[in-house]
């Protein structure tokens, strides 16, 4: 090779070569699967924020109305459990699972805050 001859083009390894596409190593998720995951994450976060709001409302209620504070905290626990169950139903799985205990987390935090 002389000075006047151009060097042959050698593609860089980290760039895509349209003439030689690479095969995917893992199968891609289907559109339905992605939609289910997005919907379940939205359901759990939306319901979780609602349950958290109920706990915040229970904390700021007058301490003389202890029954109302406990009632809102119980409702927050029920709403949290229903949010977890909704995520399992979106994935067409049995909603009666040990993961339902995670839905009680807002109620546990609420009872610690209002009773502690």
N, C-alpha and C. Protein backbone atom coordinates (compact mmCIF):
# COMPACT_ATOMS: atom_id res chain seq x y z
N UNK A 1 0.85 -1.16 0.00
CA UNK A 1 0.00 0.00 0.00
C UNK A 1 0.90 1.24 0.00
N UNK A 2 0.60 2.11 -0.90
CA UNK A 2 1.40 3.32 -1.01
C UNK A 2 0.67 4.49 -0.37
N UNK A 3 1.36 5.61 -0.30
CA UNK A 3 0.81 6.82 0.30
C UNK A 3 -0.43 7.30 -0.45
N UNK A 4 -0.49 7.12 -1.76
CA UNK A 4 -1.58 7.67 -2.54
C UNK A 4 -2.84 6.81 -2.46
N UNK A 5 -2.70 5.54 -2.13
CA UNK A 5 -3.88 4.66 -2.05
C UNK A 5 -4.61 4.89 -0.73
N UNK A 6 -5.94 4.98 -0.80
CA UNK A 6 -6.68 5.15 0.46
C UNK A 6 -6.72 3.84 1.24
N UNK A 7 -6.78 3.99 2.53
CA UNK A 7 -6.86 2.80 3.38
C UNK A 7 -8.26 2.19 3.26
N UNK A 8 -8.39 0.89 3.32
CA UNK A 8 -9.73 0.28 3.23
C UNK A 8 -10.56 0.64 4.47
N UNK A 9 -11.86 0.85 4.22
CA UNK A 9 -12.76 1.23 5.30
C UNK A 9 -12.99 0.03 6.22
N UNK A 10 -12.69 0.23 7.47
CA UNK A 10 -12.89 -0.82 8.47
C UNK A 10 -13.93 -0.32 9.47
N UNK A 11 -15.11 -0.96 9.51
CA UNK A 11 -16.16 -0.44 10.39
C UNK A 11 -15.78 -0.58 11.86
N UNK A 12 -16.20 0.38 12.63
CA UNK A 12 -15.95 0.32 14.07
C UNK A 12 -16.89 -0.70 14.69
N UNK A 13 -16.44 -1.38 15.70
CA UNK A 13 -17.20 -2.48 16.28
C UNK A 13 -18.43 -2.01 17.04
N UNK A 14 -18.40 -0.84 17.61
CA UNK A 14 -19.53 -0.39 18.43
C UNK A 14 -20.65 0.23 17.61
N UNK A 15 -20.44 0.40 16.30
CA UNK A 15 -21.47 0.98 15.45
C UNK A 15 -22.19 -0.12 14.68
N UNK A 16 -23.45 0.16 14.33
CA UNK A 16 -24.22 -0.80 13.57
C UNK A 16 -23.79 -0.78 12.10
N UNK A 17 -23.68 -1.95 11.51
CA UNK A 17 -23.37 -2.07 10.10
C UNK A 17 -24.65 -2.51 9.39
N UNK A 18 -25.28 -1.64 8.57
CA UNK A 18 -26.53 -2.01 7.92
C UNK A 18 -26.40 -3.22 7.00
N UNK A 19 -25.20 -3.47 6.48
CA UNK A 19 -25.01 -4.61 5.59
C UNK A 19 -24.96 -5.92 6.37
N UNK A 20 -24.60 -5.87 7.65
CA UNK A 20 -24.49 -7.08 8.48
C UNK A 20 -25.17 -6.85 9.83
N UNK A 21 -26.51 -6.88 9.86
CA UNK A 21 -27.17 -6.64 11.14
C UNK A 21 -26.92 -7.79 12.12
N UNK A 22 -26.82 -7.45 13.39
CA UNK A 22 -26.62 -8.46 14.42
C UNK A 22 -27.96 -9.05 14.83
N UNK A 23 -27.92 -10.29 15.23
CA UNK A 23 -29.13 -10.93 15.75
C UNK A 23 -29.27 -10.59 17.22
N UNK A 24 -30.50 -10.48 17.65
CA UNK A 24 -30.76 -10.22 19.07
C UNK A 24 -30.45 -11.47 19.86
N UNK A 25 -29.85 -11.27 21.03
CA UNK A 25 -29.54 -12.42 21.85
C UNK A 25 -30.75 -12.84 22.68
N UNK A 26 -31.60 -11.90 23.09
CA UNK A 26 -32.79 -12.22 23.87
C UNK A 26 -34.02 -11.88 23.04
N UNK A 27 -35.07 -12.68 23.18
CA UNK A 27 -36.28 -12.37 22.41
C UNK A 27 -36.93 -11.09 22.93
N UNK A 28 -37.47 -10.31 22.02
CA UNK A 28 -38.12 -9.06 22.39
C UNK A 28 -39.48 -9.34 23.02
N UNK A 29 -39.92 -8.43 23.90
CA UNK A 29 -41.23 -8.59 24.51
C UNK A 29 -42.30 -8.22 23.49
N UNK A 30 -43.45 -8.88 23.60
CA UNK A 30 -44.55 -8.55 22.69
C UNK A 30 -45.20 -7.24 23.14
N UNK A 31 -45.95 -6.65 22.26
CA UNK A 31 -46.63 -5.39 22.56
C UNK A 31 -47.62 -5.58 23.71
N UNK A 32 -48.32 -6.70 23.72
CA UNK A 32 -49.28 -6.97 24.79
C UNK A 32 -48.59 -7.07 26.13
N UNK A 33 -47.45 -7.71 26.17
CA UNK A 33 -46.71 -7.85 27.42
C UNK A 33 -46.24 -6.49 27.93
N UNK A 34 -45.75 -5.66 27.04
CA UNK A 34 -45.31 -4.32 27.44
C UNK A 34 -46.48 -3.50 27.95
N UNK A 35 -47.62 -3.60 27.29
CA UNK A 35 -48.81 -2.87 27.72
C UNK A 35 -49.26 -3.32 29.10
N UNK A 36 -49.21 -4.62 29.35
CA UNK A 36 -49.59 -5.13 30.68
C UNK A 36 -48.66 -4.60 31.76
N UNK A 37 -47.36 -4.60 31.49
CA UNK A 37 -46.42 -4.09 32.49
C UNK A 37 -46.63 -2.60 32.75
N UNK A 38 -46.86 -1.84 31.70
CA UNK A 38 -47.09 -0.41 31.88
C UNK A 38 -48.36 -0.17 32.69
N UNK A 39 -49.43 -0.88 32.35
CA UNK A 39 -50.70 -0.70 33.07
C UNK A 39 -50.58 -1.12 34.53
N UNK A 40 -49.88 -2.22 34.80
CA UNK A 40 -49.76 -2.66 36.19
C UNK A 40 -48.91 -1.70 37.02
N UNK A 41 -47.85 -1.18 36.43
CA UNK A 41 -47.03 -0.19 37.15
C UNK A 41 -47.84 1.08 37.40
N UNK A 42 -48.60 1.53 36.42
CA UNK A 42 -49.44 2.71 36.61
C UNK A 42 -50.49 2.47 37.69
N UNK A 43 -51.10 1.29 37.68
CA UNK A 43 -52.13 0.98 38.68
C UNK A 43 -51.55 0.98 40.08
N UNK A 44 -50.42 0.32 40.26
CA UNK A 44 -49.82 0.22 41.60
C UNK A 44 -49.35 1.59 42.09
N UNK A 45 -48.72 2.37 41.24
CA UNK A 45 -48.24 3.68 41.70
C UNK A 45 -49.39 4.64 41.96
N UNK A 46 -50.43 4.61 41.13
CA UNK A 46 -51.57 5.49 41.35
C UNK A 46 -52.29 5.13 42.65
N UNK A 47 -52.56 3.85 42.83
CA UNK A 47 -53.25 3.41 44.05
C UNK A 47 -52.35 3.62 45.27
N UNK A 48 -51.06 3.42 45.10
CA UNK A 48 -50.14 3.66 46.21
C UNK A 48 -50.11 5.11 46.64
N UNK A 49 -50.15 6.02 45.68
CA UNK A 49 -50.20 7.44 46.03
C UNK A 49 -51.52 7.79 46.74
N UNK A 50 -52.61 7.19 46.29
CA UNK A 50 -53.90 7.43 46.94
C UNK A 50 -53.87 6.92 48.38
N UNK A 51 -53.33 5.72 48.58
CA UNK A 51 -53.23 5.17 49.94
C UNK A 51 -52.32 6.03 50.80
N UNK A 52 -51.24 6.50 50.24
CA UNK A 52 -50.35 7.39 50.98
C UNK A 52 -51.03 8.69 51.35
N UNK A 53 -51.87 9.20 50.46
CA UNK A 53 -52.63 10.41 50.75
C UNK A 53 -53.61 10.21 51.88
N UNK A 54 -54.21 9.03 51.94
CA UNK A 54 -55.11 8.73 53.05
C UNK A 54 -54.35 8.69 54.37
N UNK A 55 -53.14 8.15 54.36
CA UNK A 55 -52.33 8.12 55.57
C UNK A 55 -51.95 9.55 55.98
N UNK A 56 -51.57 10.38 55.03
CA UNK A 56 -51.23 11.77 55.34
C UNK A 56 -52.44 12.49 55.92
N UNK A 57 -53.62 12.23 55.36
CA UNK A 57 -54.84 12.84 55.90
C UNK A 57 -55.09 12.37 57.32
N UNK A 58 -54.84 11.10 57.59
CA UNK A 58 -55.05 10.57 58.94
C UNK A 58 -54.08 11.20 59.93
N UNK A 59 -52.87 11.46 59.50
CA UNK A 59 -51.88 12.06 60.39
C UNK A 59 -52.27 13.49 60.75
N UNK A 60 -52.84 14.23 59.81
CA UNK A 60 -53.16 15.64 60.04
C UNK A 60 -54.54 15.88 60.64
N UNK A 61 -55.32 14.83 60.83
CA UNK A 61 -56.61 15.00 61.51
C UNK A 61 -56.35 15.25 62.99
N UNK A 62 -57.24 15.99 63.61
CA UNK A 62 -57.13 16.32 65.03
C UNK A 62 -56.98 15.03 65.86
N UNK A 63 -55.96 14.94 66.72
CA UNK A 63 -55.75 13.73 67.52
C UNK A 63 -56.93 13.37 68.42
N UNK A 64 -57.81 14.30 68.67
CA UNK A 64 -58.99 13.99 69.48
C UNK A 64 -59.95 13.07 68.72
N UNK A 65 -59.86 13.06 67.41
CA UNK A 65 -60.73 12.20 66.59
C UNK A 65 -59.96 10.94 66.19
N UNK A 66 -59.55 10.17 67.17
CA UNK A 66 -58.73 8.98 66.94
C UNK A 66 -59.45 7.95 66.08
N UNK A 67 -60.76 7.82 66.23
CA UNK A 67 -61.51 6.87 65.41
C UNK A 67 -61.42 7.17 63.93
N UNK A 68 -61.48 8.45 63.58
CA UNK A 68 -61.37 8.85 62.17
C UNK A 68 -59.96 8.57 61.65
N UNK A 69 -58.97 8.80 62.49
CA UNK A 69 -57.58 8.54 62.07
C UNK A 69 -57.37 7.05 61.80
N UNK A 70 -57.87 6.22 62.70
CA UNK A 70 -57.73 4.77 62.52
C UNK A 70 -58.53 4.31 61.30
N UNK A 71 -59.72 4.86 61.11
CA UNK A 71 -60.53 4.49 59.95
C UNK A 71 -59.85 4.80 58.63
N UNK A 72 -59.27 5.98 58.51
CA UNK A 72 -58.56 6.33 57.28
C UNK A 72 -57.35 5.44 57.04
N UNK A 73 -56.68 5.06 58.13
CA UNK A 73 -55.51 4.19 57.98
C UNK A 73 -55.93 2.79 57.53
N UNK A 74 -57.04 2.30 58.06
CA UNK A 74 -57.55 0.98 57.62
C UNK A 74 -57.95 1.05 56.16
N UNK A 75 -58.61 2.13 55.76
CA UNK A 75 -58.99 2.29 54.35
C UNK A 75 -57.75 2.34 53.46
N UNK A 76 -56.69 2.98 53.93
CA UNK A 76 -55.44 3.02 53.16
C UNK A 76 -54.88 1.61 52.97
N UNK A 77 -54.97 0.77 53.99
CA UNK A 77 -54.51 -0.62 53.86
C UNK A 77 -55.34 -1.40 52.86
N UNK A 78 -56.65 -1.23 52.90
CA UNK A 78 -57.53 -1.93 51.95
C UNK A 78 -57.24 -1.47 50.53
N UNK A 79 -57.09 -0.18 50.34
CA UNK A 79 -56.80 0.37 49.01
C UNK A 79 -55.45 -0.16 48.50
N UNK A 80 -54.45 -0.23 49.38
CA UNK A 80 -53.15 -0.76 48.98
C UNK A 80 -53.22 -2.21 48.54
N UNK A 81 -53.98 -3.02 49.28
CA UNK A 81 -54.14 -4.44 48.91
C UNK A 81 -54.86 -4.55 47.57
N UNK A 82 -55.88 -3.73 47.36
CA UNK A 82 -56.60 -3.76 46.08
C UNK A 82 -55.70 -3.34 44.91
N UNK A 83 -54.77 -2.43 45.14
CA UNK A 83 -53.83 -2.04 44.09
C UNK A 83 -52.91 -3.17 43.68
N UNK A 84 -52.41 -3.91 44.66
CA UNK A 84 -51.56 -5.07 44.34
C UNK A 84 -52.38 -6.14 43.61
N UNK A 85 -53.60 -6.38 44.07
CA UNK A 85 -54.47 -7.36 43.42
C UNK A 85 -54.77 -6.95 41.97
N UNK A 86 -54.96 -5.65 41.74
CA UNK A 86 -55.23 -5.17 40.39
C UNK A 86 -54.05 -5.45 39.46
N UNK A 87 -52.83 -5.30 39.97
CA UNK A 87 -51.66 -5.58 39.14
C UNK A 87 -51.62 -7.06 38.74
N UNK A 88 -51.96 -7.94 39.66
CA UNK A 88 -51.97 -9.36 39.32
C UNK A 88 -53.11 -9.69 38.35
N UNK A 89 -54.25 -9.03 38.50
CA UNK A 89 -55.35 -9.27 37.57
C UNK A 89 -55.02 -8.76 36.17
N UNK A 90 -54.29 -7.66 36.06
CA UNK A 90 -53.89 -7.15 34.75
C UNK A 90 -53.02 -8.17 34.03
N UNK A 91 -52.18 -8.87 34.79
CA UNK A 91 -51.32 -9.91 34.19
C UNK A 91 -52.03 -11.26 34.08
N UNK A 92 -53.34 -11.27 34.37
CA UNK A 92 -54.16 -12.47 34.30
C UNK A 92 -53.62 -13.59 35.18
N UNK A 93 -53.22 -13.20 36.39
CA UNK A 93 -52.73 -14.15 37.38
C UNK A 93 -53.65 -14.12 38.59
N UNK A 94 -53.57 -15.12 39.41
CA UNK A 94 -54.40 -15.21 40.60
C UNK A 94 -54.05 -14.07 41.56
N UNK A 95 -55.03 -13.25 41.94
CA UNK A 95 -54.71 -12.12 42.83
C UNK A 95 -54.49 -12.53 44.28
N UNK A 96 -54.86 -13.73 44.65
CA UNK A 96 -54.64 -14.18 46.02
C UNK A 96 -53.21 -14.72 46.14
N UNK A 97 -52.31 -13.86 46.54
CA UNK A 97 -50.89 -14.17 46.58
C UNK A 97 -50.27 -13.56 47.82
N UNK A 98 -49.15 -14.09 48.28
CA UNK A 98 -48.48 -13.48 49.43
C UNK A 98 -48.05 -12.02 49.19
N UNK A 99 -47.98 -11.59 47.94
CA UNK A 99 -47.61 -10.21 47.64
C UNK A 99 -48.65 -9.21 48.13
N UNK A 100 -49.85 -9.67 48.46
CA UNK A 100 -50.88 -8.77 48.97
C UNK A 100 -50.45 -8.12 50.28
N UNK A 101 -49.56 -8.78 51.01
CA UNK A 101 -49.06 -8.21 52.26
C UNK A 101 -48.35 -6.88 51.99
N UNK A 102 -47.73 -6.74 50.83
CA UNK A 102 -47.05 -5.49 50.48
C UNK A 102 -48.05 -4.33 50.38
N UNK A 103 -49.30 -4.63 50.08
CA UNK A 103 -50.32 -3.60 50.02
C UNK A 103 -50.67 -3.03 51.38
N UNK A 104 -50.32 -3.73 52.43
CA UNK A 104 -50.58 -3.25 53.79
C UNK A 104 -49.53 -2.26 54.28
N UNK A 105 -48.49 -2.05 53.51
CA UNK A 105 -47.41 -1.15 53.93
C UNK A 105 -47.89 0.26 54.27
N UNK A 106 -48.77 0.89 53.48
CA UNK A 106 -49.24 2.23 53.88
C UNK A 106 -49.96 2.21 55.22
N UNK A 107 -50.73 1.16 55.49
CA UNK A 107 -51.45 1.08 56.76
C UNK A 107 -50.48 0.91 57.93
N UNK A 108 -49.46 0.11 57.75
CA UNK A 108 -48.47 -0.09 58.81
C UNK A 108 -47.77 1.24 59.13
N UNK A 109 -47.36 1.93 58.09
CA UNK A 109 -46.71 3.24 58.30
C UNK A 109 -47.69 4.21 58.97
N UNK A 110 -48.94 4.19 58.54
CA UNK A 110 -49.94 5.06 59.13
C UNK A 110 -50.16 4.78 60.60
N UNK A 111 -50.25 3.49 60.97
CA UNK A 111 -50.43 3.17 62.39
C UNK A 111 -49.23 3.56 63.22
N UNK A 112 -48.04 3.41 62.67
CA UNK A 112 -46.84 3.85 63.40
C UNK A 112 -46.89 5.35 63.63
N UNK A 113 -47.34 6.10 62.63
CA UNK A 113 -47.37 7.55 62.75
C UNK A 113 -48.49 8.07 63.67
N UNK A 114 -49.66 7.45 63.62
CA UNK A 114 -50.76 7.99 64.43
C UNK A 114 -50.81 7.42 65.84
N UNK A 115 -50.28 6.22 66.03
CA UNK A 115 -50.31 5.63 67.36
C UNK A 115 -49.00 5.78 68.11
N UNK A 116 -47.94 6.06 67.39
CA UNK A 116 -46.62 6.11 68.01
C UNK A 116 -46.22 7.42 68.50
